[in-house]
Amino acid sequence: MADNPWAWQEGRNPYRATPFQVLDLDPDTAGRAAINAHVRRRRQRVSRAPERYPLFGEHLRLADVNEAAEQIQDPRGRLLAELRTHRPELGDDSAHFAERIAGLEPPESPRSPITVHAKRLAQLAPPPVPRSFTRLWPHGE
């Protein structure tokens, strides 16, 4: 099987410098106030000590943070940023999932099983009648 070029390699996202990465913001962060507070803290950190907050080995500038913040505030820009955000693949938890499922019992049905009586069903259906359909191709067969 070929390697996925878009899979995380050594904990790094293959998409370079998405607005969420520039802002160090989780895409699942909800609420305008929470996002604005996070952006404000990021601006302060980058303006005071940009060398402490590199992104893929490059120092961020305040302009980068401002541009990313604008993209996140715009609905179209945010959607594009979320689409470019590649979340890390989850580990193989199939064994753990199988253990959890093995211990579960199906819920009991409040009703008894449904039985179908063919004679009663036939009484509900209308009687068959011959049908005639118009020909789709009136010229020949």
N, C-alpha and C. Protein backbone atom coordinates (compact mmCIF):
# COMPACT_ATOMS: atom_id res chain seq x y z
N MET A 1 0.84 -1.18 0.00
CA MET A 1 0.00 0.00 0.00
C MET A 1 0.89 1.25 0.00
N ALA A 2 0.57 2.18 -0.84
CA ALA A 2 1.37 3.40 -0.96
C ALA A 2 1.15 4.30 0.25
N ASP A 3 2.18 5.06 0.59
CA ASP A 3 2.06 5.99 1.70
C ASP A 3 1.16 7.15 1.30
N ASN A 4 0.39 7.62 2.26
CA ASN A 4 -0.49 8.75 2.03
C ASN A 4 0.33 10.03 2.14
N PRO A 5 0.48 10.80 1.06
CA PRO A 5 1.30 12.01 1.14
C PRO A 5 0.69 13.08 2.02
N TRP A 6 -0.60 12.96 2.32
CA TRP A 6 -1.27 13.95 3.15
C TRP A 6 -1.38 13.51 4.60
N ALA A 7 -0.83 12.36 4.94
CA ALA A 7 -0.85 11.91 6.34
C ALA A 7 0.19 12.67 7.14
N TRP A 8 -0.05 12.80 8.42
CA TRP A 8 0.90 13.48 9.29
C TRP A 8 2.20 12.70 9.30
N GLN A 9 3.31 13.38 9.14
CA GLN A 9 4.64 12.78 9.18
C GLN A 9 5.38 13.38 10.38
N GLU A 10 5.77 12.54 11.31
CA GLU A 10 6.51 12.99 12.50
C GLU A 10 5.78 14.12 13.22
N GLY A 11 4.46 13.99 13.34
CA GLY A 11 3.67 14.97 14.05
C GLY A 11 3.49 16.29 13.33
N ARG A 12 3.77 16.34 12.04
CA ARG A 12 3.67 17.59 11.28
C ARG A 12 2.55 17.49 10.25
N ASN A 13 1.84 18.58 10.11
CA ASN A 13 0.75 18.69 9.17
C ASN A 13 1.31 18.92 7.77
N PRO A 14 0.82 18.19 6.77
CA PRO A 14 1.33 18.39 5.41
C PRO A 14 0.89 19.72 4.81
N TYR A 15 -0.18 20.29 5.28
CA TYR A 15 -0.60 21.60 4.80
C TYR A 15 0.21 22.64 5.55
N ARG A 16 0.83 23.53 4.85
CA ARG A 16 1.73 24.50 5.45
C ARG A 16 1.01 25.78 5.80
N ALA A 17 1.15 26.19 7.04
CA ALA A 17 0.71 27.50 7.52
C ALA A 17 -0.76 27.79 7.25
N THR A 18 -1.65 26.95 7.74
CA THR A 18 -3.06 27.28 7.67
C THR A 18 -3.34 28.34 8.73
N PRO A 19 -4.42 29.10 8.59
CA PRO A 19 -4.72 30.12 9.60
C PRO A 19 -4.80 29.55 11.02
N PHE A 20 -5.31 28.34 11.15
CA PHE A 20 -5.40 27.74 12.48
C PHE A 20 -4.01 27.46 13.05
N GLN A 21 -3.06 27.10 12.19
CA GLN A 21 -1.70 26.87 12.66
C GLN A 21 -1.02 28.19 13.03
N VAL A 22 -1.22 29.20 12.22
CA VAL A 22 -0.62 30.50 12.50
C VAL A 22 -1.12 31.04 13.83
N LEU A 23 -2.42 30.85 14.08
CA LEU A 23 -3.01 31.36 15.31
C LEU A 23 -2.85 30.39 16.48
N ASP A 24 -2.35 29.18 16.20
CA ASP A 24 -2.27 28.13 17.21
C ASP A 24 -3.64 27.95 17.86
N LEU A 25 -4.65 27.83 16.99
CA LEU A 25 -6.05 27.77 17.41
C LEU A 25 -6.64 26.43 17.01
N ASP A 26 -7.34 25.80 17.94
CA ASP A 26 -8.02 24.54 17.65
C ASP A 26 -9.24 24.85 16.78
N PRO A 27 -9.44 24.16 15.65
CA PRO A 27 -10.59 24.44 14.79
C PRO A 27 -11.93 24.24 15.48
N ASP A 28 -11.94 23.46 16.54
CA ASP A 28 -13.19 23.20 17.25
C ASP A 28 -13.51 24.27 18.29
N THR A 29 -12.67 25.28 18.41
CA THR A 29 -12.94 26.35 19.37
C THR A 29 -14.21 27.06 18.97
N ALA A 30 -15.14 27.16 19.91
CA ALA A 30 -16.43 27.77 19.62
C ALA A 30 -16.54 29.11 20.34
N GLY A 31 -17.30 29.99 19.77
CA GLY A 31 -17.57 31.27 20.39
C GLY A 31 -16.64 32.36 19.92
N ARG A 32 -17.23 33.44 19.47
CA ARG A 32 -16.45 34.56 18.95
C ARG A 32 -15.55 35.16 20.02
N ALA A 33 -16.05 35.24 21.26
CA ALA A 33 -15.26 35.83 22.35
C ALA A 33 -14.03 34.97 22.65
N ALA A 34 -14.19 33.66 22.67
CA ALA A 34 -13.06 32.77 22.94
C ALA A 34 -12.02 32.87 21.83
N ILE A 35 -12.48 32.93 20.60
CA ILE A 35 -11.56 33.03 19.46
C ILE A 35 -10.82 34.37 19.50
N ASN A 36 -11.55 35.46 19.76
CA ASN A 36 -10.91 36.78 19.81
C ASN A 36 -9.89 36.86 20.94
N ALA A 37 -10.20 36.27 22.09
CA ALA A 37 -9.26 36.28 23.22
C ALA A 37 -7.99 35.50 22.86
N HIS A 38 -8.16 34.38 22.19
CA HIS A 38 -7.01 33.58 21.79
C HIS A 38 -6.15 34.33 20.78
N VAL A 39 -6.80 34.96 19.81
CA VAL A 39 -6.06 35.73 18.79
C VAL A 39 -5.30 36.88 19.44
N ARG A 40 -5.94 37.56 20.40
CA ARG A 40 -5.28 38.66 21.09
C ARG A 40 -4.03 38.17 21.82
N ARG A 41 -4.13 37.02 22.51
CA ARG A 41 -2.95 36.47 23.20
C ARG A 41 -1.87 36.08 22.20
N ARG A 42 -2.26 35.53 21.07
CA ARG A 42 -1.28 35.13 20.05
C ARG A 42 -0.55 36.36 19.50
N ARG A 43 -1.30 37.44 19.27
CA ARG A 43 -0.67 38.68 18.79
C ARG A 43 0.37 39.19 19.79
N GLN A 44 0.03 39.18 21.05
CA GLN A 44 0.95 39.65 22.08
C GLN A 44 2.21 38.79 22.12
N ARG A 45 2.03 37.49 22.06
CA ARG A 45 3.19 36.59 22.12
C ARG A 45 4.11 36.80 20.92
N VAL A 46 3.52 36.88 19.73
CA VAL A 46 4.33 37.03 18.52
C VAL A 46 5.00 38.40 18.48
N SER A 47 4.33 39.43 18.96
CA SER A 47 4.94 40.75 18.93
C SER A 47 6.07 40.88 19.95
N ARG A 48 5.97 40.19 21.08
CA ARG A 48 6.99 40.29 22.11
C ARG A 48 8.20 39.40 21.86
N ALA A 49 7.93 38.15 21.45
CA ALA A 49 9.04 37.20 21.26
C ALA A 49 8.73 36.26 20.10
N PRO A 50 8.87 36.72 18.86
CA PRO A 50 8.53 35.87 17.71
C PRO A 50 9.42 34.63 17.60
N GLU A 51 10.64 34.70 18.11
CA GLU A 51 11.54 33.54 18.01
C GLU A 51 11.06 32.37 18.88
N ARG A 52 10.21 32.63 19.85
CA ARG A 52 9.71 31.57 20.73
C ARG A 52 8.53 30.82 20.12
N TYR A 53 7.94 31.36 19.07
CA TYR A 53 6.75 30.76 18.48
C TYR A 53 6.93 30.55 16.98
N PRO A 54 7.90 29.73 16.58
CA PRO A 54 8.09 29.51 15.14
C PRO A 54 7.02 28.58 14.57
N LEU A 55 6.80 28.70 13.29
CA LEU A 55 5.88 27.82 12.58
C LEU A 55 6.65 27.19 11.43
N PHE A 56 6.90 25.91 11.53
CA PHE A 56 7.69 25.16 10.55
C PHE A 56 9.07 25.79 10.37
N GLY A 57 9.65 26.21 11.48
CA GLY A 57 11.00 26.75 11.46
C GLY A 57 11.11 28.22 11.08
N GLU A 58 10.00 28.85 10.74
CA GLU A 58 10.02 30.27 10.37
C GLU A 58 9.38 31.09 11.49
N HIS A 59 9.92 32.29 11.69
CA HIS A 59 9.36 33.17 12.70
C HIS A 59 8.13 33.87 12.14
N LEU A 60 7.09 33.90 12.95
CA LEU A 60 5.87 34.57 12.54
C LEU A 60 6.00 36.07 12.71
N ARG A 61 5.32 36.79 11.85
CA ARG A 61 5.26 38.25 11.97
C ARG A 61 3.85 38.61 12.43
N LEU A 62 3.71 39.78 12.94
CA LEU A 62 2.40 40.25 13.38
C LEU A 62 1.43 40.31 12.19
N ALA A 63 1.94 40.62 11.02
CA ALA A 63 1.10 40.66 9.82
C ALA A 63 0.52 39.28 9.50
N ASP A 64 1.32 38.22 9.72
CA ASP A 64 0.82 36.86 9.49
C ASP A 64 -0.34 36.54 10.42
N VAL A 65 -0.20 36.94 11.67
CA VAL A 65 -1.26 36.69 12.66
C VAL A 65 -2.52 37.47 12.30
N ASN A 66 -2.35 38.74 11.90
CA ASN A 66 -3.50 39.55 11.53
C ASN A 66 -4.22 38.99 10.30
N GLU A 67 -3.46 38.56 9.33
CA GLU A 67 -4.06 37.98 8.12
C GLU A 67 -4.82 36.70 8.45
N ALA A 68 -4.25 35.85 9.30
CA ALA A 68 -4.92 34.61 9.70
C ALA A 68 -6.19 34.92 10.48
N ALA A 69 -6.15 35.93 11.33
CA ALA A 69 -7.33 36.31 12.10
C ALA A 69 -8.45 36.79 11.18
N GLU A 70 -8.10 37.56 10.16
CA GLU A 70 -9.10 38.02 9.19
C GLU A 70 -9.72 36.84 8.46
N GLN A 71 -8.91 35.86 8.08
CA GLN A 71 -9.43 34.70 7.38
C GLN A 71 -10.38 33.89 8.26
N ILE A 72 -10.08 33.80 9.53
CA ILE A 72 -10.93 33.04 10.45
C ILE A 72 -12.26 33.76 10.69
N GLN A 73 -12.25 35.09 10.69
CA GLN A 73 -13.47 35.86 10.94
C GLN A 73 -14.43 35.79 9.75
N ASP A 74 -13.91 35.66 8.54
CA ASP A 74 -14.73 35.58 7.34
C ASP A 74 -15.29 34.16 7.23
N PRO A 75 -16.61 33.97 7.08
CA PRO A 75 -17.17 32.61 7.01
C PRO A 75 -16.55 31.77 5.89
N ARG A 76 -16.37 32.37 4.71
CA ARG A 76 -15.79 31.63 3.59
C ARG A 76 -14.34 31.26 3.88
N GLY A 77 -13.59 32.21 4.43
CA GLY A 77 -12.19 31.95 4.76
C GLY A 77 -12.05 30.90 5.85
N ARG A 78 -12.95 30.94 6.82
CA ARG A 78 -12.89 29.94 7.90
C ARG A 78 -13.18 28.55 7.35
N LEU A 79 -14.17 28.45 6.49
CA LEU A 79 -14.49 27.15 5.91
C LEU A 79 -13.31 26.61 5.11
N LEU A 80 -12.68 27.46 4.31
CA LEU A 80 -11.50 27.02 3.55
C LEU A 80 -10.37 26.60 4.49
N ALA A 81 -10.19 27.33 5.57
CA ALA A 81 -9.14 26.99 6.53
C ALA A 81 -9.45 25.65 7.21
N GLU A 82 -10.72 25.43 7.53
CA GLU A 82 -11.09 24.15 8.15
C GLU A 82 -10.89 22.99 7.18
N LEU A 83 -11.19 23.24 5.91
CA LEU A 83 -10.99 22.17 4.92
C LEU A 83 -9.51 21.85 4.73
N ARG A 84 -8.65 22.86 4.86
CA ARG A 84 -7.22 22.62 4.72
C ARG A 84 -6.59 22.08 5.99
N THR A 85 -7.31 22.11 7.09
CA THR A 85 -6.77 21.62 8.36
C THR A 85 -6.86 20.11 8.35
N HIS A 86 -5.72 19.50 8.43
CA HIS A 86 -5.63 18.04 8.38
C HIS A 86 -5.36 17.55 9.79
N ARG A 87 -6.36 16.93 10.39
CA ARG A 87 -6.20 16.46 11.76
C ARG A 87 -5.40 15.18 11.76
N PRO A 88 -4.64 14.93 12.82
CA PRO A 88 -3.84 13.70 12.85
C PRO A 88 -4.72 12.46 12.83
N GLU A 89 -4.20 11.42 12.18
CA GLU A 89 -4.94 10.18 12.12
C GLU A 89 -4.95 9.53 13.49
N LEU A 90 -6.08 8.94 13.82
CA LEU A 90 -6.17 8.24 15.09
C LEU A 90 -5.42 6.92 15.00
N GLY A 91 -4.90 6.48 16.11
CA GLY A 91 -4.20 5.20 16.12
C GLY A 91 -5.16 4.06 15.85
N ASP A 92 -4.62 2.89 15.70
CA ASP A 92 -5.45 1.72 15.43
C ASP A 92 -6.11 1.28 16.73
N ASP A 93 -7.33 1.74 16.95
CA ASP A 93 -8.07 1.40 18.15
C ASP A 93 -9.08 0.31 17.89
N SER A 94 -8.91 -0.46 16.82
CA SER A 94 -9.90 -1.47 16.49
C SER A 94 -9.99 -2.54 17.56
N ALA A 95 -8.86 -2.91 18.19
CA ALA A 95 -8.89 -3.92 19.25
C ALA A 95 -9.66 -3.37 20.45
N HIS A 96 -9.38 -2.11 20.80
CA HIS A 96 -10.08 -1.50 21.93
C HIS A 96 -11.58 -1.40 21.63
N PHE A 97 -11.92 -1.03 20.41
CA PHE A 97 -13.32 -0.92 20.01
C PHE A 97 -13.99 -2.29 20.07
N ALA A 98 -13.29 -3.33 19.61
CA ALA A 98 -13.85 -4.67 19.63
C ALA A 98 -14.12 -5.13 21.06
N GLU A 99 -13.22 -4.78 21.98
CA GLU A 99 -13.43 -5.15 23.39
C GLU A 99 -14.67 -4.47 23.95
N ARG A 100 -14.86 -3.20 23.61
CA ARG A 100 -16.03 -2.48 24.11
C ARG A 100 -17.32 -3.03 23.54
N ILE A 101 -17.30 -3.39 22.27
CA ILE A 101 -18.51 -3.90 21.63
C ILE A 101 -18.84 -5.30 22.12
N ALA A 102 -17.82 -6.11 22.41
CA ALA A 102 -18.05 -7.50 22.82
C ALA A 102 -18.86 -7.58 24.11
N GLY A 103 -18.69 -6.63 24.99
CA GLY A 103 -19.40 -6.67 26.26
C GLY A 103 -20.82 -6.14 26.21
N LEU A 104 -21.23 -5.57 25.11
CA LEU A 104 -22.56 -4.98 25.02
C LEU A 104 -23.60 -6.03 24.67
N GLU A 105 -24.74 -5.89 25.30
CA GLU A 105 -25.88 -6.76 24.98
C GLU A 105 -26.89 -5.93 24.20
N PRO A 106 -27.58 -6.54 23.25
CA PRO A 106 -28.60 -5.77 22.53
C PRO A 106 -29.75 -5.41 23.46
N PRO A 107 -30.35 -4.26 23.29
CA PRO A 107 -31.46 -3.87 24.16
C PRO A 107 -32.67 -4.77 23.92
N GLU A 108 -33.44 -4.96 24.98
CA GLU A 108 -34.64 -5.79 24.85
C GLU A 108 -35.72 -4.99 24.16
N SER A 109 -36.45 -5.66 23.31
CA SER A 109 -37.52 -5.01 22.58
C SER A 109 -38.76 -4.97 23.47
N PRO A 110 -39.45 -3.84 23.55
CA PRO A 110 -40.64 -3.78 24.39
C PRO A 110 -41.80 -4.60 23.82
N ARG A 111 -41.78 -4.85 22.54
CA ARG A 111 -42.85 -5.62 21.89
C ARG A 111 -42.38 -7.04 21.62
N SER A 112 -43.35 -7.89 21.39
CA SER A 112 -43.01 -9.24 20.95
C SER A 112 -42.64 -9.17 19.48
N PRO A 113 -41.96 -10.19 18.96
CA PRO A 113 -41.57 -10.16 17.54
C PRO A 113 -42.80 -10.05 16.63
N ILE A 114 -42.63 -9.40 15.54
CA ILE A 114 -43.72 -9.19 14.58
C ILE A 114 -43.87 -10.45 13.75
N THR A 115 -45.12 -10.90 13.62
CA THR A 115 -45.39 -12.04 12.75
C THR A 115 -46.31 -11.57 11.64
N VAL A 116 -46.10 -12.12 10.47
CA VAL A 116 -46.88 -11.75 9.29
C VAL A 116 -47.75 -12.94 8.92
N HIS A 117 -49.05 -12.67 8.83
CA HIS A 117 -50.00 -13.70 8.40
C HIS A 117 -50.35 -13.41 6.95
N ALA A 118 -50.01 -14.34 6.08
CA ALA A 118 -50.18 -14.12 4.65
C ALA A 118 -51.64 -13.90 4.26
N LYS A 119 -52.57 -14.65 4.89
CA LYS A 119 -53.98 -14.51 4.54
C LYS A 119 -54.50 -13.12 4.92
N ARG A 120 -54.11 -12.63 6.08
CA ARG A 120 -54.55 -11.31 6.50
C ARG A 120 -53.92 -10.22 5.60
N LEU A 121 -52.68 -10.42 5.22
CA LEU A 121 -52.01 -9.46 4.36
C LEU A 121 -52.69 -9.41 3.00
N ALA A 122 -53.11 -10.58 2.50
CA ALA A 122 -53.78 -10.63 1.19
C ALA A 122 -55.12 -9.91 1.24
N GLN A 123 -55.77 -9.91 2.40
CA GLN A 123 -57.05 -9.21 2.52
C GLN A 123 -56.85 -7.69 2.48
N LEU A 124 -55.70 -7.21 2.91
CA LEU A 124 -55.44 -5.78 2.91
C LEU A 124 -55.09 -5.25 1.53
N ALA A 125 -54.50 -6.08 0.71
CA ALA A 125 -54.07 -5.65 -0.62
C ALA A 125 -55.26 -5.64 -1.57
N PRO A 126 -55.31 -4.69 -2.53
CA PRO A 126 -56.41 -4.68 -3.49
C PRO A 126 -56.30 -5.88 -4.43
N PRO A 127 -57.44 -6.32 -4.95
CA PRO A 127 -57.38 -7.48 -5.85
C PRO A 127 -56.64 -7.13 -7.13
N PRO A 128 -55.93 -8.08 -7.70
CA PRO A 128 -55.19 -7.81 -8.94
C PRO A 128 -56.16 -7.61 -10.11
N VAL A 129 -55.83 -6.67 -10.97
CA VAL A 129 -56.63 -6.40 -12.15
C VAL A 129 -55.68 -6.35 -13.34
N PRO A 130 -56.16 -6.76 -14.48
CA PRO A 130 -55.29 -6.67 -15.66
C PRO A 130 -55.05 -5.20 -16.00
N ARG A 131 -53.84 -4.90 -16.39
CA ARG A 131 -53.47 -3.53 -16.75
C ARG A 131 -53.03 -3.49 -18.20
N SER A 132 -53.25 -2.35 -18.79
CA SER A 132 -52.74 -2.17 -20.14
C SER A 132 -51.87 -0.92 -20.14
N PHE A 133 -50.74 -1.04 -20.76
CA PHE A 133 -49.80 0.07 -20.81
C PHE A 133 -49.70 0.57 -22.24
N THR A 134 -49.52 1.86 -22.39
CA THR A 134 -49.33 2.40 -23.72
C THR A 134 -47.94 2.01 -24.20
N ARG A 135 -47.85 1.76 -25.47
CA ARG A 135 -46.58 1.36 -26.04
C ARG A 135 -45.62 2.53 -26.05
N LEU A 136 -44.38 2.26 -25.70
CA LEU A 136 -43.38 3.30 -25.71
C LEU A 136 -42.91 3.62 -27.12
N TRP A 137 -42.86 2.60 -27.95
CA TRP A 137 -42.46 2.78 -29.35
C TRP A 137 -43.64 2.38 -30.24
N PRO A 138 -44.42 3.34 -30.67
CA PRO A 138 -45.62 2.99 -31.43
C PRO A 138 -45.32 2.41 -32.81
N HIS A 139 -44.12 2.58 -33.33
CA HIS A 139 -43.78 2.10 -34.67
C HIS A 139 -42.99 0.81 -34.58
N GLY A 140 -43.64 -0.31 -34.63
CA GLY A 140 -42.96 -1.59 -34.65
C GLY A 140 -42.57 -2.06 -33.26
N GLU A 141 -41.98 -3.21 -33.25
CA GLU A 141 -41.59 -3.80 -31.99
C GLU A 141 -40.16 -3.68 -31.72
